Amino acid sequence: MRLLWVLIANAVALGLTAWLLDGVEVDDWAALLLAAIVFGVVNFLVKPIVTLLGIPFIIITLGIALFFINMLMLWLTDILVGDGFDIEGFWTFVAATILVWLINLLLAAVSPFGRDSAAAVARR
């Protein structure tokens, strides 16, 4: 059930981001669902490894490198999904990363699974 909540949270975050930003394009519901699944898998599998390897940069930048790691996860999602989900331009990636984070933070606050799963969703 938590997996379904994370999938829904990612789909809502990516969908709202596409609706709010001109440079983020989602063709249809299938593409949005695929992007949400890929984003969840990338955050689950790739992000911990990149974060672990980036600990020196995270420390040196006082945590700012975590923002770029999150942006990298969004870029990987864009690359892996391909047609149907597209983010254009560096500044659009910056704005999309901030929006996805904020939306997931808000959704984490209303998570039916309590504080632990809410924190996990908010980290995306």
PDB file of N, CA and C in Angstrom:
ATOM      1  N   MET A   1       0.816  -1.191   0.000  1.00  0.00           N
ATOM      2  CA  MET A   1       0.000   0.000   0.000  1.00  0.00           C
ATOM      3  C   MET A   1       0.866   1.263   0.000  1.00  0.00           C
ATOM      4  N   ARG A   2       1.992   1.204   0.717  1.00  0.00           N
ATOM      5  CA  ARG A   2       2.905   2.350   0.720  1.00  0.00           C
ATOM      6  C   ARG A   2       3.473   2.603  -0.665  1.00  0.00           C
ATOM      7  N   LEU A   3       3.749   1.532  -1.365  1.00  0.00           N
ATOM      8  CA  LEU A   3       4.271   1.660  -2.730  1.00  0.00           C
ATOM      9  C   LEU A   3       3.265   2.385  -3.621  1.00  0.00           C
ATOM     10  N   LEU A   4       1.996   2.048  -3.456  1.00  0.00           N
ATOM     11  CA  LEU A   4       0.950   2.729  -4.213  1.00  0.00           C
ATOM     12  C   LEU A   4       0.883   4.207  -3.848  1.00  0.00           C
ATOM     13  N   TRP A   5       1.044   4.519  -2.563  1.00  0.00           N
ATOM     14  CA  TRP A   5       1.036   5.920  -2.123  1.00  0.00           C
ATOM     15  C   TRP A   5       2.207   6.688  -2.755  1.00  0.00           C
ATOM     16  N   VAL A   6       3.385   6.091  -2.771  1.00  0.00           N
ATOM     17  CA  VAL A   6       4.550   6.752  -3.376  1.00  0.00           C
ATOM     18  C   VAL A   6       4.320   6.956  -4.870  1.00  0.00           C
ATOM     19  N   LEU A   7       3.737   5.959  -5.528  1.00  0.00           N
ATOM     20  CA  LEU A   7       3.433   6.078  -6.954  1.00  0.00           C
ATOM     21  C   LEU A   7       2.448   7.221  -7.201  1.00  0.00           C
ATOM     22  N   ILE A   8       1.400   7.294  -6.404  1.00  0.00           N
ATOM     23  CA  ILE A   8       0.413   8.367  -6.545  1.00  0.00           C
ATOM     24  C   ILE A   8       1.053   9.722  -6.261  1.00  0.00           C
ATOM     25  N   ALA A   9       1.858   9.798  -5.205  1.00  0.00           N
ATOM     26  CA  ALA A   9       2.523  11.061  -4.854  1.00  0.00           C
ATOM     27  C   ALA A   9       3.447  11.517  -5.978  1.00  0.00           C
ATOM     28  N   ASN A  10       4.207  10.593  -6.553  1.00  0.00           N
ATOM     29  CA  ASN A  10       5.094  10.945  -7.662  1.00  0.00           C
ATOM     30  C   ASN A  10       4.293  11.384  -8.890  1.00  0.00           C
ATOM     31  N   ALA A  11       3.201  10.681  -9.178  1.00  0.00           N
ATOM     32  CA  ALA A  11       2.375  11.048 -10.331  1.00  0.00           C
ATOM     33  C   ALA A  11       1.758  12.434 -10.141  1.00  0.00           C
ATOM     34  N   VAL A  12       1.265  12.708  -8.944  1.00  0.00           N
ATOM     35  CA  VAL A  12       0.683  14.024  -8.669  1.00  0.00           C
ATOM     36  C   VAL A  12       1.756  15.106  -8.780  1.00  0.00           C
ATOM     37  N   ALA A  13       2.919  14.861  -8.196  1.00  0.00           N
ATOM     38  CA  ALA A  13       3.996  15.849  -8.225  1.00  0.00           C
ATOM     39  C   ALA A  13       4.457  16.120  -9.656  1.00  0.00           C
ATOM     40  N   LEU A  14       4.647  15.078 -10.432  1.00  0.00           N
ATOM     41  CA  LEU A  14       5.094  15.263 -11.815  1.00  0.00           C
ATOM     42  C   LEU A  14       4.000  15.883 -12.677  1.00  0.00           C
ATOM     43  N   GLY A  15       2.761  15.480 -12.448  1.00  0.00           N
ATOM     44  CA  GLY A  15       1.649  16.039 -13.205  1.00  0.00           C
ATOM     45  C   GLY A  15       1.437  17.516 -12.917  1.00  0.00           C
ATOM     46  N   LEU A  16       1.447  17.897 -11.650  1.00  0.00           N
ATOM     47  CA  LEU A  16       1.305  19.310 -11.295  1.00  0.00           C
ATOM     48  C   LEU A  16       2.478  20.137 -11.810  1.00  0.00           C
ATOM     49  N   THR A  17       3.654  19.571 -11.756  1.00  0.00           N
ATOM     50  CA  THR A  17       4.827  20.268 -12.279  1.00  0.00           C
ATOM     51  C   THR A  17       4.677  20.510 -13.775  1.00  0.00           C
ATOM     52  N   ALA A  18       4.202  19.507 -14.501  1.00  0.00           N
ATOM     53  CA  ALA A  18       3.987  19.666 -15.943  1.00  0.00           C
ATOM     54  C   ALA A  18       2.904  20.707 -16.220  1.00  0.00           C
ATOM     55  N   TRP A  19       1.899  20.759 -15.366  1.00  0.00           N
ATOM     56  CA  TRP A  19       0.820  21.720 -15.549  1.00  0.00           C
ATOM     57  C   TRP A  19       1.285  23.149 -15.262  1.00  0.00           C
ATOM     58  N   LEU A  20       2.179  23.302 -14.275  1.00  0.00           N
ATOM     59  CA  LEU A  20       2.626  24.629 -13.854  1.00  0.00           C
ATOM     60  C   LEU A  20       3.771  25.195 -14.695  1.00  0.00           C
ATOM     61  N   LEU A  21       4.602  24.339 -15.253  1.00  0.00           N
ATOM     62  CA  LEU A  21       5.780  24.805 -16.002  1.00  0.00           C
ATOM     63  C   LEU A  21       5.613  24.530 -17.494  1.00  0.00           C
ATOM     64  N   ASP A  22       5.935  25.537 -18.290  1.00  0.00           N
ATOM     65  CA  ASP A  22       5.825  25.385 -19.741  1.00  0.00           C
ATOM     66  C   ASP A  22       6.844  24.405 -20.313  1.00  0.00           C
ATOM     67  N   GLY A  23       8.007  24.289 -19.710  1.00  0.00           N
ATOM     68  CA  GLY A  23       9.071  23.447 -20.248  1.00  0.00           C
ATOM     69  C   GLY A  23       8.963  21.984 -19.888  1.00  0.00           C
ATOM     70  N   VAL A  24       7.936  21.597 -19.130  1.00  0.00           N
ATOM     71  CA  VAL A  24       7.735  20.196 -18.765  1.00  0.00           C
ATOM     72  C   VAL A  24       6.507  19.695 -19.522  1.00  0.00           C
ATOM     73  N   GLU A  25       6.704  18.676 -20.344  1.00  0.00           N
ATOM     74  CA  GLU A  25       5.631  18.149 -21.183  1.00  0.00           C
ATOM     75  C   GLU A  25       5.332  16.698 -20.822  1.00  0.00           C
ATOM     76  N   VAL A  26       4.060  16.411 -20.598  1.00  0.00           N
ATOM     77  CA  VAL A  26       3.585  15.042 -20.406  1.00  0.00           C
ATOM     78  C   VAL A  26       2.486  14.826 -21.431  1.00  0.00           C
ATOM     79  N   ASP A  27       2.663  13.847 -22.311  1.00  0.00           N
ATOM     80  CA  ASP A  27       1.727  13.649 -23.413  1.00  0.00           C
ATOM     81  C   ASP A  27       0.369  13.119 -22.971  1.00  0.00           C
ATOM     82  N   ASP A  28       0.376  12.103 -22.092  1.00  0.00           N
ATOM     83  CA  ASP A  28      -0.894  11.495 -21.678  1.00  0.00           C
ATOM     84  C   ASP A  28      -0.742  10.838 -20.315  1.00  0.00           C
ATOM     85  N   TRP A  29      -1.826  10.231 -19.855  1.00  0.00           N
ATOM     86  CA  TRP A  29      -1.819   9.593 -18.528  1.00  0.00           C
ATOM     87  C   TRP A  29      -0.839   8.424 -18.458  1.00  0.00           C
ATOM     88  N   ALA A  30      -0.713   7.682 -19.543  1.00  0.00           N
ATOM     89  CA  ALA A  30       0.212   6.542 -19.553  1.00  0.00           C
ATOM     90  C   ALA A  30       1.650   7.017 -19.376  1.00  0.00           C
ATOM     91  N   ALA A  31       1.997   8.108 -20.045  1.00  0.00           N
ATOM     92  CA  ALA A  31       3.346   8.665 -19.910  1.00  0.00           C
ATOM     93  C   ALA A  31       3.580   9.180 -18.494  1.00  0.00           C
ATOM     94  N   LEU A  32       2.549   9.791 -17.904  1.00  0.00           N
ATOM     95  CA  LEU A  32       2.668  10.278 -16.534  1.00  0.00           C
ATOM     96  C   LEU A  32       2.861   9.119 -15.563  1.00  0.00           C
ATOM     97  N   LEU A  33       2.093   8.055 -15.741  1.00  0.00           N
ATOM     98  CA  LEU A  33       2.235   6.883 -14.876  1.00  0.00           C
ATOM     99  C   LEU A  33       3.604   6.241 -15.039  1.00  0.00           C
ATOM    100  N   LEU A  34       4.080   6.126 -16.270  1.00  0.00           N
ATOM    101  CA  LEU A  34       5.411   5.568 -16.519  1.00  0.00           C
ATOM    102  C   LEU A  34       6.493   6.442 -15.885  1.00  0.00           C
ATOM    103  N   ALA A  35       6.357   7.760 -16.026  1.00  0.00           N
ATOM    104  CA  ALA A  35       7.336   8.680 -15.426  1.00  0.00           C
ATOM    105  C   ALA A  35       7.321   8.555 -13.900  1.00  0.00           C
ATOM    106  N   ALA A  36       6.140   8.406 -13.301  1.00  0.00           N
ATOM    107  CA  ALA A  36       6.050   8.252 -11.843  1.00  0.00           C
ATOM    108  C   ALA A  36       6.716   6.959 -11.389  1.00  0.00           C
ATOM    109  N   ILE A  37       6.518   5.890 -12.137  1.00  0.00           N
ATOM    110  CA  ILE A  37       7.148   4.601 -11.790  1.00  0.00           C
ATOM    111  C   ILE A  37       8.663   4.707 -11.927  1.00  0.00           C
ATOM    112  N   VAL A  38       9.125   5.244 -13.044  1.00  0.00           N
ATOM    113  CA  VAL A  38      10.568   5.376 -13.277  1.00  0.00           C
ATOM    114  C   VAL A  38      11.191   6.287 -12.221  1.00  0.00           C
ATOM    115  N   PHE A  39      10.517   7.396 -11.907  1.00  0.00           N
ATOM    116  CA  PHE A  39      11.028   8.320 -10.890  1.00  0.00           C
ATOM    117  C   PHE A  39      11.156   7.621  -9.534  1.00  0.00           C
ATOM    118  N   GLY A  40      10.179   6.813  -9.181  1.00  0.00           N
ATOM    119  CA  GLY A  40      10.239   6.061  -7.928  1.00  0.00           C
ATOM    120  C   GLY A  40      11.371   5.050  -7.914  1.00  0.00           C
ATOM    121  N   VAL A  41      11.540   4.340  -9.015  1.00  0.00           N
ATOM    122  CA  VAL A  41      12.609   3.334  -9.099  1.00  0.00           C
ATOM    123  C   VAL A  41      13.985   4.001  -9.071  1.00  0.00           C
ATOM    124  N   VAL A  42      14.124   5.106  -9.797  1.00  0.00           N
ATOM    125  CA  VAL A  42      15.401   5.833  -9.825  1.00  0.00           C
ATOM    126  C   VAL A  42      15.731   6.344  -8.423  1.00  0.00           C
ATOM    127  N   ASN A  43      14.735   6.889  -7.736  1.00  0.00           N
ATOM    128  CA  ASN A  43      14.966   7.381  -6.377  1.00  0.00           C
ATOM    129  C   ASN A  43      15.283   6.250  -5.407  1.00  0.00           C
ATOM    130  N   PHE A  44      14.719   5.071  -5.653  1.00  0.00           N
ATOM    131  CA  PHE A  44      14.949   3.943  -4.760  1.00  0.00           C
ATOM    132  C   PHE A  44      16.294   3.268  -5.014  1.00  0.00           C
ATOM    133  N   LEU A  45      16.677   3.130  -6.280  1.00  0.00           N
ATOM    134  CA  LEU A  45      17.892   2.382  -6.616  1.00  0.00           C
ATOM    135  C   LEU A  45      19.129   3.250  -6.829  1.00  0.00           C
ATOM    136  N   VAL A  46      18.994   4.326  -7.572  1.00  0.00           N
ATOM    137  CA  VAL A  46      20.150   5.113  -7.983  1.00  0.00           C
ATOM    138  C   VAL A  46      20.521   6.180  -6.953  1.00  0.00           C
ATOM    139  N   LYS A  47      19.517   6.867  -6.418  1.00  0.00           N
ATOM    140  CA  LYS A  47      19.782   7.990  -5.534  1.00  0.00           C
ATOM    141  C   LYS A  47      20.634   7.633  -4.314  1.00  0.00           C
ATOM    142  N   PRO A  48      20.393   6.503  -3.627  1.00  0.00           N
ATOM    143  CA  PRO A  48      21.254   6.186  -2.476  1.00  0.00           C
ATOM    144  C   PRO A  48      22.721   5.995  -2.866  1.00  0.00           C
ATOM    145  N   ILE A  49      22.964   5.407  -4.021  1.00  0.00           N
ATOM    146  CA  ILE A  49      24.340   5.177  -4.464  1.00  0.00           C
ATOM    147  C   ILE A  49      25.018   6.511  -4.791  1.00  0.00           C
ATOM    148  N   VAL A  50      24.312   7.362  -5.536  1.00  0.00           N
ATOM    149  CA  VAL A  50      24.874   8.668  -5.891  1.00  0.00           C
ATOM    150  C   VAL A  50      25.091   9.506  -4.639  1.00  0.00           C
ATOM    151  N   THR A  51      24.163   9.448  -3.706  1.00  0.00           N
ATOM    152  CA  THR A  51      24.300  10.201  -2.457  1.00  0.00           C
ATOM    153  C   THR A  51      25.507   9.710  -1.662  1.00  0.00           C
ATOM    154  N   LEU A  52      25.681   8.407  -1.586  1.00  0.00           N
ATOM    155  CA  LEU A  52      26.825   7.848  -0.869  1.00  0.00           C
ATOM    156  C   LEU A  52      28.142   8.275  -1.518  1.00  0.00           C
ATOM    157  N   LEU A  53      28.192   8.201  -2.841  1.00  0.00           N
ATOM    158  CA  LEU A  53      29.413   8.610  -3.540  1.00  0.00           C
ATOM    159  C   LEU A  53      29.655  10.120  -3.449  1.00  0.00           C
ATOM    160  N   GLY A  54      28.575  10.873  -3.278  1.00  0.00           N
ATOM    161  CA  GLY A  54      28.696  12.323  -3.235  1.00  0.00           C
ATOM    162  C   GLY A  54      28.849  12.918  -1.854  1.00  0.00           C
ATOM    163  N   ILE A  55      29.019  12.090  -0.832  1.00  0.00           N
ATOM    164  CA  ILE A  55      29.129  12.607   0.543  1.00  0.00           C
ATOM    165  C   ILE A  55      30.198  13.697   0.689  1.00  0.00           C
ATOM    166  N   PRO A  56      31.385  13.551   0.106  1.00  0.00           N
ATOM    167  CA  PRO A  56      32.352  14.649   0.237  1.00  0.00           C
ATOM    168  C   PRO A  56      31.837  15.977  -0.330  1.00  0.00           C
ATOM    169  N   PHE A  57      31.159  15.920  -1.486  1.00  0.00           N
ATOM    170  CA  PHE A  57      30.614  17.140  -2.084  1.00  0.00           C
ATOM    171  C   PHE A  57      29.453  17.692  -1.263  1.00  0.00           C
ATOM    172  N   ILE A  58      28.671  16.793  -0.698  1.00  0.00           N
ATOM    173  CA  ILE A  58      27.553  17.221   0.146  1.00  0.00           C
ATOM    174  C   ILE A  58      28.079  17.950   1.370  1.00  0.00           C
ATOM    175  N   ILE A  59      29.138  17.445   1.951  1.00  0.00           N
ATOM    176  CA  ILE A  59      29.729  18.083   3.132  1.00  0.00           C
ATOM    177  C   ILE A  59      30.355  19.424   2.765  1.00  0.00           C
ATOM    178  N   ILE A  60      31.120  19.447   1.679  1.00  0.00           N
ATOM    179  CA  ILE A  60      31.792  20.680   1.262  1.00  0.00           C
ATOM    180  C   ILE A  60      30.783  21.773   0.929  1.00  0.00           C
ATOM    181  N   THR A  61      29.665  21.404   0.285  1.00  0.00           N
ATOM    182  CA  THR A  61      28.668  22.395  -0.127  1.00  0.00           C
ATOM    183  C   THR A  61      27.589  22.616   0.929  1.00  0.00           C
ATOM    184  N   LEU A  62      27.782  22.017   2.089  1.00  0.00           N
ATOM    185  CA  LEU A  62      26.817  22.144   3.190  1.00  0.00           C
ATOM    186  C   LEU A  62      25.410  21.696   2.786  1.00  0.00           C
ATOM    187  N   GLY A  63      25.351  20.657   1.968  1.00  0.00           N
ATOM    188  CA  GLY A  63      24.087  20.054   1.592  1.00  0.00           C
ATOM    189  C   GLY A  63      23.500  20.519   0.276  1.00  0.00           C
ATOM    190  N   ILE A  64      24.050  21.553  -0.314  1.00  0.00           N
ATOM    191  CA  ILE A  64      23.508  22.055  -1.577  1.00  0.00           C
ATOM    192  C   ILE A  64      23.643  21.008  -2.685  1.00  0.00           C
ATOM    193  N   ALA A  65      24.645  20.164  -2.598  1.00  0.00           N
ATOM    194  CA  ALA A  65      24.827  19.113  -3.607  1.00  0.00           C
ATOM    195  C   ALA A  65      23.633  18.161  -3.636  1.00  0.00           C
ATOM    196  N   LEU A  66      22.896  18.041  -2.537  1.00  0.00           N
ATOM    197  CA  LEU A  66      21.711  17.183  -2.523  1.00  0.00           C
ATOM    198  C   LEU A  66      20.659  17.682  -3.510  1.00  0.00           C
ATOM    199  N   PHE A  67      20.580  18.993  -3.662  1.00  0.00           N
ATOM    200  CA  PHE A  67      19.644  19.547  -4.646  1.00  0.00           C
ATOM    201  C   PHE A  67      20.014  19.069  -6.050  1.00  0.00           C
ATOM    202  N   PHE A  68      21.298  19.080  -6.364  1.00  0.00           N
ATOM    203  CA  PHE A  68      21.733  18.658  -7.693  1.00  0.00           C
ATOM    204  C   PHE A  68      21.584  17.147  -7.872  1.00  0.00           C
ATOM    205  N   ILE A  69      21.676  16.393  -6.795  1.00  0.00           N
ATOM    206  CA  ILE A  69      21.402  14.959  -6.871  1.00  0.00           C
ATOM    207  C   ILE A  69      19.927  14.743  -7.192  1.00  0.00           C
ATOM    208  N   ASN A  70      19.048  15.513  -6.539  1.00  0.00           N
ATOM    209  CA  ASN A  70      17.621  15.415  -6.850  1.00  0.00           C
ATOM    210  C   ASN A  70      17.340  15.820  -8.302  1.00  0.00           C
ATOM    211  N   MET A  71      18.027  16.843  -8.772  1.00  0.00           N
ATOM    212  CA  MET A  71      17.873  17.268 -10.153  1.00  0.00           C
ATOM    213  C   MET A  71      18.368  16.177 -11.107  1.00  0.00           C
ATOM    214  N   LEU A  72      19.438  15.505 -10.741  1.00  0.00           N
ATOM    215  CA  LEU A  72      19.952  14.398 -11.543  1.00  0.00           C
ATOM    216  C   LEU A  72      18.927  13.265 -11.633  1.00  0.00           C
ATOM    217  N   MET A  73      18.222  12.976 -10.540  1.00  0.00           N
ATOM    218  CA  MET A  73      17.212  11.918 -10.551  1.00  0.00           C
ATOM    219  C   MET A  73      16.067  12.286 -11.502  1.00  0.00           C
ATOM    220  N   LEU A  74      15.705  13.554 -11.533  1.00  0.00           N
ATOM    221  CA  LEU A  74      14.664  14.007 -12.449  1.00  0.00           C
ATOM    222  C   LEU A  74      15.154  13.928 -13.899  1.00  0.00           C
ATOM    223  N   TRP A  75      16.419  14.273 -14.122  1.00  0.00           N
ATOM    224  CA  TRP A  75      16.997  14.176 -15.460  1.00  0.00           C
ATOM    225  C   TRP A  75      17.048  12.715 -15.924  1.00  0.00           C
ATOM    226  N   LEU A  76      17.446  11.808 -15.038  1.00  0.00           N
ATOM    227  CA  LEU A  76      17.464  10.384 -15.387  1.00  0.00           C
ATOM    228  C   LEU A  76      16.070   9.887 -15.744  1.00  0.00           C
ATOM    229  N   THR A  77      15.080  10.358 -15.008  1.00  0.00           N
ATOM    230  CA  THR A  77      13.696   9.990 -15.325  1.00  0.00           C
ATOM    231  C   THR A  77      13.333  10.472 -16.715  1.00  0.00           C
ATOM    232  N   ASP A  78      13.700  11.698 -17.030  1.00  0.00           N
ATOM    233  CA  ASP A  78      13.435  12.264 -18.352  1.00  0.00           C
ATOM    234  C   ASP A  78      14.101  11.418 -19.443  1.00  0.00           C
ATOM    235  N   ILE A  79      15.336  11.035 -19.228  1.00  0.00           N
ATOM    236  CA  ILE A  79      16.079  10.236 -20.214  1.00  0.00           C
ATOM    237  C   ILE A  79      15.476   8.843 -20.360  1.00  0.00           C
ATOM    238  N   LEU A  80      15.163   8.192 -19.244  1.00  0.00           N
ATOM    239  CA  LEU A  80      14.677   6.811 -19.289  1.00  0.00           C
ATOM    240  C   LEU A  80      13.266   6.688 -19.842  1.00  0.00           C
ATOM    241  N   VAL A  81      12.421   7.659 -19.554  1.00  0.00           N
ATOM    242  CA  VAL A  81      11.046   7.593 -20.058  1.00  0.00           C
ATOM    243  C   VAL A  81      11.013   7.894 -21.542  1.00  0.00           C
ATOM    244  N   GLY A  82      11.810   8.859 -21.971  1.00  0.00           N
ATOM    245  CA  GLY A  82      11.875   9.176 -23.396  1.00  0.00           C
ATOM    246  C   GLY A  82      10.638   9.905 -23.876  1.00  0.00           C
ATOM    247  N   ASP A  83      10.009   9.388 -24.922  1.00  0.00           N
ATOM    248  CA  ASP A  83       8.829  10.043 -25.505  1.00  0.00           C
ATOM    249  C   ASP A  83       7.673  10.050 -24.516  1.00  0.00           C
ATOM    250  N   GLY A  84       6.975  11.149 -24.487  1.00  0.00           N
ATOM    251  CA  GLY A  84       5.823  11.267 -23.612  1.00  0.00           C
ATOM    252  C   GLY A  84       6.083  12.088 -22.367  1.00  0.00           C
ATOM    253  N   PHE A  85       7.331  12.161 -21.949  1.00  0.00           N
ATOM    254  CA  PHE A  85       7.716  12.958 -20.779  1.00  0.00           C
ATOM    255  C   PHE A  85       9.009  13.672 -21.126  1.00  0.00           C
ATOM    256  N   ASP A  86       8.956  15.005 -21.087  1.00  0.00           N
ATOM    257  CA  ASP A  86      10.127  15.766 -21.507  1.00  0.00           C
ATOM    258  C   ASP A  86      10.264  17.030 -20.671  1.00  0.00           C
ATOM    259  N   ILE A  87      11.479  17.295 -20.238  1.00  0.00           N
ATOM    260  CA  ILE A  87      11.801  18.527 -19.524  1.00  0.00           C
ATOM    261  C   ILE A  87      12.882  19.217 -20.342  1.00  0.00           C
ATOM    262  N   GLU A  88      12.625  20.483 -20.695  1.00  0.00           N
ATOM    263  CA  GLU A  88      13.530  21.203 -21.581  1.00  0.00           C
ATOM    264  C   GLU A  88      14.267  22.313 -20.846  1.00  0.00           C
ATOM    265  N   GLY A  89      15.582  22.271 -20.867  1.00  0.00           N
ATOM    266  CA  GLY A  89      16.393  23.361 -20.348  1.00  0.00           C
ATOM    267  C   GLY A  89      16.788  23.227 -18.888  1.00  0.00           C
ATOM    268  N   PHE A  90      17.954  23.783 -18.594  1.00  0.00           N
ATOM    269  CA  PHE A  90      18.516  23.699 -17.244  1.00  0.00           C
ATOM    270  C   PHE A  90      17.623  24.369 -16.211  1.00  0.00           C
ATOM    271  N   TRP A  91      17.151  25.574 -16.498  1.00  0.00           N
ATOM    272  CA  TRP A  91      16.349  26.306 -15.518  1.00  0.00           C
ATOM    273  C   TRP A  91      14.990  25.663 -15.306  1.00  0.00           C
ATOM    274  N   THR A  92      14.503  24.994 -16.316  1.00  0.00           N
ATOM    275  CA  THR A  92      13.263  24.239 -16.140  1.00  0.00           C
ATOM    276  C   THR A  92      13.504  23.060 -15.213  1.00  0.00           C
ATOM    277  N   PHE A  93      14.663  22.417 -15.337  1.00  0.00           N
ATOM    278  CA  PHE A  93      15.015  21.340 -14.408  1.00  0.00           C
ATOM    279  C   PHE A  93      15.117  21.856 -12.976  1.00  0.00           C
ATOM    280  N   VAL A  94      15.693  23.041 -12.813  1.00  0.00           N
ATOM    281  CA  VAL A  94      15.805  23.633 -11.476  1.00  0.00           C
ATOM    282  C   VAL A  94      14.413  23.877 -10.896  1.00  0.00           C
ATOM    283  N   ALA A  95      13.550  24.532 -11.676  1.00  0.00           N
ATOM    284  CA  ALA A  95      12.201  24.829 -11.196  1.00  0.00           C
ATOM    285  C   ALA A  95      11.404  23.543 -10.965  1.00  0.00           C
ATOM    286  N   ALA A  96      11.555  22.564 -11.849  1.00  0.00           N
ATOM    287  CA  ALA A  96      10.833  21.300 -11.695  1.00  0.00           C
ATOM    288  C   ALA A  96      11.288  20.553 -10.448  1.00  0.00           C
ATOM    289  N   THR A  97      12.575  20.583 -10.164  1.00  0.00           N
ATOM    290  CA  THR A  97      13.094  19.928  -8.964  1.00  0.00           C
ATOM    291  C   THR A  97      12.504  20.566  -7.714  1.00  0.00           C
ATOM    292  N   ILE A  98      12.440  21.877  -7.690  1.00  0.00           N
ATOM    293  CA  ILE A  98      11.874  22.578  -6.532  1.00  0.00           C
ATOM    294  C   ILE A  98      10.389  22.260  -6.396  1.00  0.00           C
ATOM    295  N   LEU A  99       9.652  22.285  -7.504  1.00  0.00           N
ATOM    296  CA  LEU A  99       8.219  21.998  -7.449  1.00  0.00           C
ATOM    297  C   LEU A  99       7.921  20.569  -7.021  1.00  0.00           C
ATOM    298  N   VAL A 100       8.640  19.605  -7.580  1.00  0.00           N
ATOM    299  CA  VAL A 100       8.425  18.207  -7.204  1.00  0.00           C
ATOM    300  C   VAL A 100       8.709  18.021  -5.721  1.00  0.00           C
ATOM    301  N   TRP A 101       9.754  18.652  -5.226  1.00  0.00           N
ATOM    302  CA  TRP A 101      10.081  18.556  -3.808  1.00  0.00           C
ATOM    303  C   TRP A 101       8.970  19.160  -2.949  1.00  0.00           C
ATOM    304  N   LEU A 102       8.511  20.353  -3.316  1.00  0.00           N
ATOM    305  CA  LEU A 102       7.465  21.018  -2.532  1.00  0.00           C
ATOM    306  C   LEU A 102       6.155  20.236  -2.537  1.00  0.00           C
ATOM    307  N   ILE A 103       5.767  19.750  -3.686  1.00  0.00           N
ATOM    308  CA  ILE A 103       4.518  18.992  -3.788  1.00  0.00           C
ATOM    309  C   ILE A 103       4.616  17.702  -2.994  1.00  0.00           C
ATOM    310  N   ASN A 104       5.749  17.007  -3.093  1.00  0.00           N
ATOM    311  CA  ASN A 104       5.926  15.791  -2.307  1.00  0.00           C
ATOM    312  C   ASN A 104       5.965  16.093  -0.817  1.00  0.00           C
ATOM    313  N   LEU A 105       6.511  17.230  -0.442  1.00  0.00           N
ATOM    314  CA  LEU A 105       6.515  17.629   0.962  1.00  0.00           C
ATOM    315  C   LEU A 105       5.093  17.833   1.474  1.00  0.00           C
ATOM    316  N   LEU A 106       4.267  18.498   0.677  1.00  0.00           N
ATOM    317  CA  LEU A 106       2.868  18.696   1.053  1.00  0.00           C
ATOM    318  C   LEU A 106       2.107  17.370   1.114  1.00  0.00           C
ATOM    319  N   LEU A 107       2.356  16.495   0.165  1.00  0.00           N
ATOM    320  CA  LEU A 107       1.696  15.194   0.171  1.00  0.00           C
ATOM    321  C   LEU A 107       2.162  14.333   1.335  1.00  0.00           C
ATOM    322  N   ALA A 108       3.412  14.495   1.731  1.00  0.00           N
ATOM    323  CA  ALA A 108       3.931  13.745   2.880  1.00  0.00           C
ATOM    324  C   ALA A 108       3.219  14.164   4.164  1.00  0.00           C
ATOM    325  N   ALA A 109       2.802  15.414   4.221  1.00  0.00           N
ATOM    326  CA  ALA A 109       2.110  15.909   5.414  1.00  0.00           C
ATOM    327  C   ALA A 109       0.742  15.257   5.585  1.00  0.00           C
ATOM    328  N   VAL A 110       0.138  14.801   4.491  1.00  0.00           N
ATOM    329  CA  VAL A 110      -1.175  14.164   4.576  1.00  0.00           C
ATOM    330  C   VAL A 110      -1.102  12.654   4.343  1.00  0.00           C
ATOM    331  N   SER A 111       0.083  12.101   4.410  1.00  0.00           N
ATOM    332  CA  SER A 111       0.277  10.672   4.176  1.00  0.00           C
ATOM    333  C   SER A 111      -0.507   9.833   5.186  1.00  0.00           C
ATOM    334  N   PRO A 112      -1.231   8.825   4.711  1.00  0.00           N
ATOM    335  CA  PRO A 112      -1.969   7.957   5.625  1.00  0.00           C
ATOM    336  C   PRO A 112      -1.084   6.942   6.345  1.00  0.00           C
ATOM    337  N   PHE A 113       0.193   6.925   6.041  1.00  0.00           N
ATOM    338  CA  PHE A 113       1.083   5.913   6.598  1.00  0.00           C
ATOM    339  C   PHE A 113       1.950   6.419   7.729  1.00  0.00           C
ATOM    340  N   GLY A 114       1.676   7.569   8.213  1.00  0.00           N
ATOM    341  CA  GLY A 114       2.417   8.066   9.362  1.00  0.00           C
ATOM    342  C   GLY A 114       3.667   8.814   8.980  1.00  0.00           C
ATOM    343  N   ARG A 115       4.400   9.135   9.987  1.00  0.00           N
ATOM    344  CA  ARG A 115       5.554  10.011   9.842  1.00  0.00           C
ATOM    345  C   ARG A 115       6.705   9.382   9.075  1.00  0.00           C
ATOM    346  N   ASP A 116       6.957   8.090   9.287  1.00  0.00           N
ATOM    347  CA  ASP A 116       8.103   7.444   8.636  1.00  0.00           C
ATOM    348  C   ASP A 116       7.953   7.416   7.128  1.00  0.00           C
ATOM    349  N   SER A 117       6.800   7.012   6.637  1.00  0.00           N
ATOM    350  CA  SER A 117       6.626   6.965   5.181  1.00  0.00           C
ATOM    351  C   SER A 117       6.496   8.363   4.617  1.00  0.00           C
ATOM    352  N   ALA A 118       5.952   9.281   5.407  1.00  0.00           N
ATOM    353  CA  ALA A 118       5.844  10.662   4.941  1.00  0.00           C
ATOM    354  C   ALA A 118       7.230  11.255   4.722  1.00  0.00           C
ATOM    355  N   ALA A 119       8.163  10.955   5.598  1.00  0.00           N
ATOM    356  CA  ALA A 119       9.530  11.447   5.441  1.00  0.00           C
ATOM    357  C   ALA A 119      10.179  10.833   4.205  1.00  0.00           C
ATOM    358  N   ALA A 120       9.866   9.568   3.929  1.00  0.00           N
ATOM    359  CA  ALA A 120      10.435   8.923   2.757  1.00  0.00           C
ATOM    360  C   ALA A 120       9.917   9.547   1.472  1.00  0.00           C
ATOM    361  N   VAL A 121       8.639   9.892   1.429  1.00  0.00           N
ATOM    362  CA  VAL A 121       8.081  10.535   0.260  1.00  0.00           C
ATOM    363  C   VAL A 121       8.647  11.929   0.096  1.00  0.00           C
ATOM    364  N   ALA A 122       8.832  12.633   1.213  1.00  0.00           N
ATOM    365  CA  ALA A 122       9.311  14.014   1.163  1.00  0.00           C
ATOM    366  C   ALA A 122      10.744  14.105   0.657  1.00  0.00           C
ATOM    367  N   ARG A 123      11.525  13.058   0.815  1.00  0.00           N
ATOM    368  CA  ARG A 123      12.915  13.079   0.357  1.00  0.00           C
ATOM    369  C   ARG A 123      13.021  12.994  -1.153  1.00  0.00           C
ATOM    370  N   ARG A 124      11.971  12.727  -1.835  1.00  0.00           N
ATOM    371  CA  ARG A 124      12.012  12.592  -3.293  1.00  0.00           C
ATOM    372  C   ARG A 124      11.965  13.907  -3.957  1.00  0.00           C
TER     373      ARG A 124
END
